[in-house]
Amino acid sequence: MLGRLPLPQLLFAAILGIAGGMYIYQPIFEQYSRDQKELKEKVKLLEESEEKGANSA
């Protein structure tokens, strides 16, 4: 026994804490994912426009 909490209760508390943290920060993770996707699309469009400009010149 670790301190006054038995191991199963300690593991349950740890799992509950991790799950709660993920639930709370989920909108931040989703926003980061959306921002990264938009950034990749912008870079792709920029590269395509540069290729068109280089080909026509």
N, C-alpha and C. Protein backbone atom coordinates (compact mmCIF):
# COMPACT_ATOMS: atom_id res chain seq x y z
N MET A 1 0.84 -1.17 0.00
CA MET A 1 0.00 0.00 0.00
C MET A 1 0.89 1.25 0.00
N LEU A 2 0.65 2.15 -0.95
CA LEU A 2 1.43 3.38 -1.06
C LEU A 2 0.73 4.46 -0.26
N GLY A 3 1.31 4.83 0.86
CA GLY A 3 0.66 5.81 1.72
C GLY A 3 -0.59 5.21 2.31
N ARG A 4 -1.71 5.89 2.12
CA ARG A 4 -2.98 5.38 2.64
C ARG A 4 -3.93 4.94 1.54
N LEU A 5 -3.50 5.07 0.28
CA LEU A 5 -4.35 4.66 -0.84
C LEU A 5 -3.88 3.32 -1.38
N PRO A 6 -4.80 2.39 -1.55
CA PRO A 6 -4.42 1.13 -2.20
C PRO A 6 -4.10 1.37 -3.68
N LEU A 7 -3.33 0.49 -4.25
CA LEU A 7 -2.88 0.64 -5.63
C LEU A 7 -4.04 0.77 -6.63
N PRO A 8 -5.10 -0.02 -6.55
CA PRO A 8 -6.20 0.15 -7.52
C PRO A 8 -6.84 1.54 -7.47
N GLN A 9 -6.99 2.09 -6.27
CA GLN A 9 -7.57 3.44 -6.16
C GLN A 9 -6.61 4.49 -6.74
N LEU A 10 -5.32 4.29 -6.54
CA LEU A 10 -4.33 5.20 -7.07
C LEU A 10 -4.33 5.16 -8.60
N LEU A 11 -4.40 3.98 -9.18
CA LEU A 11 -4.45 3.85 -10.63
C LEU A 11 -5.73 4.46 -11.19
N PHE A 12 -6.85 4.22 -10.52
CA PHE A 12 -8.12 4.79 -10.96
C PHE A 12 -8.06 6.32 -10.94
N ALA A 13 -7.50 6.89 -9.90
CA ALA A 13 -7.38 8.34 -9.80
C ALA A 13 -6.48 8.89 -10.90
N ALA A 14 -5.40 8.18 -11.21
CA ALA A 14 -4.50 8.63 -12.27
C ALA A 14 -5.19 8.60 -13.62
N ILE A 15 -5.90 7.51 -13.91
CA ILE A 15 -6.61 7.39 -15.18
C ILE A 15 -7.70 8.46 -15.29
N LEU A 16 -8.41 8.69 -14.22
CA LEU A 16 -9.45 9.71 -14.20
C LEU A 16 -8.85 11.10 -14.43
N GLY A 17 -7.71 11.37 -13.85
CA GLY A 17 -7.06 12.66 -14.04
C GLY A 17 -6.61 12.87 -15.47
N ILE A 18 -6.05 11.84 -16.08
CA ILE A 18 -5.61 11.95 -17.47
C ILE A 18 -6.81 12.15 -18.39
N ALA A 19 -7.87 11.37 -18.18
CA ALA A 19 -9.07 11.50 -19.01
C ALA A 19 -9.70 12.88 -18.84
N GLY A 20 -9.74 13.38 -17.64
CA GLY A 20 -10.30 14.71 -17.40
C GLY A 20 -9.48 15.79 -18.08
N GLY A 21 -8.17 15.67 -18.04
CA GLY A 21 -7.31 16.64 -18.71
C GLY A 21 -7.51 16.64 -20.21
N MET A 22 -7.65 15.44 -20.78
CA MET A 22 -7.88 15.34 -22.21
C MET A 22 -9.23 15.96 -22.58
N TYR A 23 -10.23 15.75 -21.75
CA TYR A 23 -11.56 16.30 -22.01
C TYR A 23 -11.54 17.83 -21.97
N ILE A 24 -10.83 18.36 -20.99
CA ILE A 24 -10.78 19.82 -20.83
C ILE A 24 -10.03 20.48 -21.98
N TYR A 25 -8.90 19.88 -22.40
CA TYR A 25 -8.06 20.50 -23.41
C TYR A 25 -8.40 20.07 -24.83
N GLN A 26 -9.43 19.27 -25.03
CA GLN A 26 -9.82 18.81 -26.36
C GLN A 26 -10.06 19.95 -27.34
N PRO A 27 -10.77 21.03 -26.99
CA PRO A 27 -10.96 22.12 -27.95
C PRO A 27 -9.64 22.75 -28.40
N ILE A 28 -8.67 22.82 -27.52
CA ILE A 28 -7.38 23.39 -27.88
C ILE A 28 -6.68 22.48 -28.89
N PHE A 29 -6.73 21.17 -28.66
CA PHE A 29 -6.14 20.22 -29.60
C PHE A 29 -6.81 20.31 -30.96
N GLU A 30 -8.14 20.41 -30.97
CA GLU A 30 -8.87 20.51 -32.24
C GLU A 30 -8.51 21.80 -32.98
N GLN A 31 -8.40 22.91 -32.27
CA GLN A 31 -8.05 24.18 -32.90
C GLN A 31 -6.65 24.10 -33.50
N TYR A 32 -5.72 23.48 -32.79
CA TYR A 32 -4.36 23.32 -33.29
C TYR A 32 -4.36 22.49 -34.57
N SER A 33 -5.15 21.43 -34.58
CA SER A 33 -5.24 20.56 -35.75
C SER A 33 -5.81 21.33 -36.94
N ARG A 34 -6.86 22.11 -36.72
CA ARG A 34 -7.44 22.91 -37.80
C ARG A 34 -6.44 23.94 -38.32
N ASP A 35 -5.72 24.60 -37.42
CA ASP A 35 -4.73 25.60 -37.83
C ASP A 35 -3.63 24.97 -38.67
N GLN A 36 -3.17 23.80 -38.29
CA GLN A 36 -2.12 23.12 -39.05
C GLN A 36 -2.62 22.72 -40.43
N LYS A 37 -3.87 22.27 -40.52
CA LYS A 37 -4.44 21.87 -41.81
C LYS A 37 -4.56 23.09 -42.72
N GLU A 38 -5.02 24.22 -42.17
CA GLU A 38 -5.14 25.44 -42.97
C GLU A 38 -3.77 25.92 -43.44
N LEU A 39 -2.78 25.82 -42.57
CA LEU A 39 -1.43 26.25 -42.93
C LEU A 39 -0.87 25.40 -44.07
N LYS A 40 -1.11 24.09 -44.03
CA LYS A 40 -0.65 23.22 -45.11
C LYS A 40 -1.33 23.57 -46.42
N GLU A 41 -2.63 23.88 -46.37
CA GLU A 41 -3.35 24.26 -47.58
C GLU A 41 -2.82 25.56 -48.16
N LYS A 42 -2.52 26.53 -47.30
CA LYS A 42 -1.99 27.81 -47.77
C LYS A 42 -0.62 27.63 -48.41
N VAL A 43 0.23 26.79 -47.80
CA VAL A 43 1.55 26.54 -48.36
C VAL A 43 1.43 25.86 -49.72
N LYS A 44 0.50 24.92 -49.82
CA LYS A 44 0.29 24.21 -51.09
C LYS A 44 -0.17 25.18 -52.17
N LEU A 45 -1.11 26.06 -51.85
CA LEU A 45 -1.59 27.04 -52.83
C LEU A 45 -0.47 28.01 -53.23
N LEU A 46 0.34 28.41 -52.27
CA LEU A 46 1.45 29.31 -52.56
C LEU A 46 2.45 28.65 -53.49
N GLU A 47 2.76 27.38 -53.22
CA GLU A 47 3.70 26.66 -54.08
C GLU A 47 3.13 26.51 -55.50
N GLU A 48 1.84 26.22 -55.62
CA GLU A 48 1.22 26.09 -56.95
C GLU A 48 1.25 27.42 -57.70
N SER A 49 1.00 28.52 -57.02
CA SER A 49 1.02 29.81 -57.69
C SER A 49 2.44 30.20 -58.11
N GLU A 50 3.44 29.81 -57.32
CA GLU A 50 4.83 30.08 -57.69
C GLU A 50 5.23 29.26 -58.91
N GLU A 51 4.75 28.00 -58.98
CA GLU A 51 5.06 27.16 -60.14
C GLU A 51 4.43 27.74 -61.41
N LYS A 52 3.19 28.21 -61.31
CA LYS A 52 2.54 28.81 -62.47
C LYS A 52 3.27 30.08 -62.92
N GLY A 53 3.73 30.87 -61.94
CA GLY A 53 4.46 32.09 -62.26
C GLY A 53 5.80 31.79 -62.90
N ALA A 54 6.48 30.74 -62.47
CA ALA A 54 7.77 30.38 -63.04
C ALA A 54 7.61 29.79 -64.43
N ASN A 55 6.53 29.06 -64.65
CA ASN A 55 6.30 28.44 -65.97
C ASN A 55 5.92 29.47 -67.02
N SER A 56 5.17 30.48 -66.64
CA SER A 56 4.72 31.47 -67.63
C SER A 56 5.80 32.51 -67.93
N ALA A 57 6.78 32.67 -67.08
CA ALA A 57 7.83 33.69 -67.30
C ALA A 57 8.93 33.20 -68.20
